[in-house]
Structures are given as C-alpha cells and as structure tokens.
Amino acid sequence: MVYKIIDASFYTNDKCKVYIINDPIEFLNIDITVLKRAMKMI
C-alpha cells in the first residue's frame, strides 16, 4: 500500500490521518511508526 499524508496534525497522541492512494478517499487511523515509514517512502 502507498500512503499519502494529507493531514499530519495529531488528533490523538499517536495517530495521524492518512489517505490510501489505492482506495477512493478512505481514511485510516494509523500508528505513528507506520506513518513515519510511509513518509520516508514518499
């Protein structure tokens, strides 16, 4: 899966909003460590 960060502002202590490019505008809550890995892939 390819993650595109659209809102990196925290809404909990360890979750961020991300957008999965492969799916039609679907939002997930994703662990911050996974988010950091996704940001490195962009």
N, C-alpha and C. Protein backbone atom coordinates (compact mmCIF):
# COMPACT_ATOMS: atom_id res chain seq x y z
N MET A 1 0.82 -1.19 0.00
CA MET A 1 0.00 0.00 0.00
C MET A 1 0.86 1.25 0.00
N VAL A 2 0.38 2.28 -0.71
CA VAL A 2 1.09 3.55 -0.75
C VAL A 2 0.31 4.55 0.08
N TYR A 3 1.00 5.18 1.02
CA TYR A 3 0.34 6.16 1.87
C TYR A 3 0.70 7.57 1.44
N LYS A 4 -0.29 8.40 1.37
CA LYS A 4 -0.06 9.81 1.11
C LYS A 4 -0.55 10.58 2.33
N ILE A 5 0.34 11.31 2.98
CA ILE A 5 -0.05 12.05 4.17
C ILE A 5 -0.80 13.31 3.74
N ILE A 6 -2.04 13.45 4.20
CA ILE A 6 -2.79 14.66 3.87
C ILE A 6 -3.01 15.54 5.08
N ASP A 7 -2.87 14.96 6.27
CA ASP A 7 -3.05 15.75 7.49
C ASP A 7 -2.19 15.15 8.58
N ALA A 8 -1.02 15.73 8.79
CA ALA A 8 -0.08 15.17 9.76
C ALA A 8 -0.31 15.71 11.16
N SER A 9 -1.30 16.55 11.32
CA SER A 9 -1.57 17.08 12.65
C SER A 9 -2.18 15.98 13.52
N PHE A 10 -1.72 15.91 14.75
CA PHE A 10 -2.15 14.83 15.62
C PHE A 10 -3.56 15.10 16.13
N TYR A 11 -4.41 14.09 16.06
CA TYR A 11 -5.71 14.22 16.72
C TYR A 11 -5.80 13.28 17.91
N THR A 12 -4.81 12.37 18.05
CA THR A 12 -4.58 11.71 19.33
C THR A 12 -3.08 11.76 19.56
N ASN A 13 -2.60 11.14 20.60
CA ASN A 13 -1.17 11.18 20.89
C ASN A 13 -0.34 10.43 19.86
N ASP A 14 -0.90 9.39 19.25
CA ASP A 14 -0.06 8.55 18.41
C ASP A 14 -0.73 8.16 17.09
N LYS A 15 -1.79 8.86 16.71
CA LYS A 15 -2.46 8.54 15.45
C LYS A 15 -2.46 9.76 14.54
N CYS A 16 -2.39 9.51 13.24
CA CYS A 16 -2.47 10.59 12.27
C CYS A 16 -3.46 10.19 11.17
N LYS A 17 -4.00 11.17 10.49
CA LYS A 17 -4.84 10.89 9.33
C LYS A 17 -3.95 10.61 8.14
N VAL A 18 -4.25 9.55 7.42
CA VAL A 18 -3.56 9.29 6.16
C VAL A 18 -4.58 8.93 5.10
N TYR A 19 -4.19 9.09 3.87
CA TYR A 19 -5.05 8.76 2.74
C TYR A 19 -4.40 7.64 1.96
N ILE A 20 -5.13 6.56 1.73
CA ILE A 20 -4.61 5.46 0.93
C ILE A 20 -4.92 5.75 -0.53
N ILE A 21 -3.86 5.94 -1.31
CA ILE A 21 -4.00 6.35 -2.71
C ILE A 21 -4.78 5.32 -3.52
N ASN A 22 -4.59 4.03 -3.18
CA ASN A 22 -5.21 2.96 -3.96
C ASN A 22 -6.72 2.85 -3.76
N ASP A 23 -7.22 3.46 -2.70
CA ASP A 23 -8.65 3.38 -2.40
C ASP A 23 -9.30 4.75 -2.57
N PRO A 24 -10.58 4.82 -2.91
CA PRO A 24 -11.26 6.09 -3.10
C PRO A 24 -11.49 6.80 -1.76
N ILE A 25 -10.73 7.85 -1.56
CA ILE A 25 -10.78 8.67 -0.35
C ILE A 25 -11.22 7.92 0.90
N GLU A 26 -10.33 7.04 1.34
CA GLU A 26 -10.61 6.27 2.55
C GLU A 26 -9.61 6.66 3.62
N PHE A 27 -10.11 7.02 4.79
CA PHE A 27 -9.24 7.46 5.87
C PHE A 27 -9.03 6.34 6.88
N LEU A 28 -7.82 6.25 7.37
CA LEU A 28 -7.48 5.27 8.40
C LEU A 28 -6.83 5.98 9.56
N ASN A 29 -6.92 5.35 10.70
CA ASN A 29 -6.06 5.73 11.81
C ASN A 29 -4.87 4.79 11.77
N ILE A 30 -3.68 5.34 11.74
CA ILE A 30 -2.50 4.50 11.57
C ILE A 30 -1.47 4.84 12.64
N ASP A 31 -0.79 3.83 13.09
CA ASP A 31 0.21 4.02 14.13
C ASP A 31 1.31 4.96 13.64
N ILE A 32 1.81 5.80 14.52
CA ILE A 32 2.77 6.84 14.14
C ILE A 32 4.06 6.24 13.56
N THR A 33 4.45 5.06 14.03
CA THR A 33 5.66 4.43 13.49
C THR A 33 5.45 4.02 12.05
N VAL A 34 4.26 3.53 11.74
CA VAL A 34 3.93 3.19 10.36
C VAL A 34 3.87 4.45 9.51
N LEU A 35 3.32 5.51 10.09
CA LEU A 35 3.24 6.79 9.38
C LEU A 35 4.62 7.31 9.02
N LYS A 36 5.56 7.20 9.96
CA LYS A 36 6.92 7.66 9.69
C LYS A 36 7.55 6.86 8.56
N ARG A 37 7.29 5.56 8.54
CA ARG A 37 7.80 4.73 7.44
C ARG A 37 7.16 5.14 6.12
N ALA A 38 5.88 5.45 6.16
CA ALA A 38 5.18 5.87 4.94
C ALA A 38 5.73 7.19 4.42
N MET A 39 6.04 8.11 5.33
CA MET A 39 6.57 9.41 4.91
C MET A 39 7.94 9.25 4.26
N LYS A 40 8.72 8.25 4.71
CA LYS A 40 10.03 8.02 4.10
C LYS A 40 9.90 7.47 2.69
N MET A 41 8.78 6.79 2.41
CA MET A 41 8.58 6.18 1.09
C MET A 41 8.15 7.19 0.05
N ILE A 42 7.64 8.34 0.48
CA ILE A 42 7.14 9.34 -0.47
C ILE A 42 8.30 10.07 -1.14
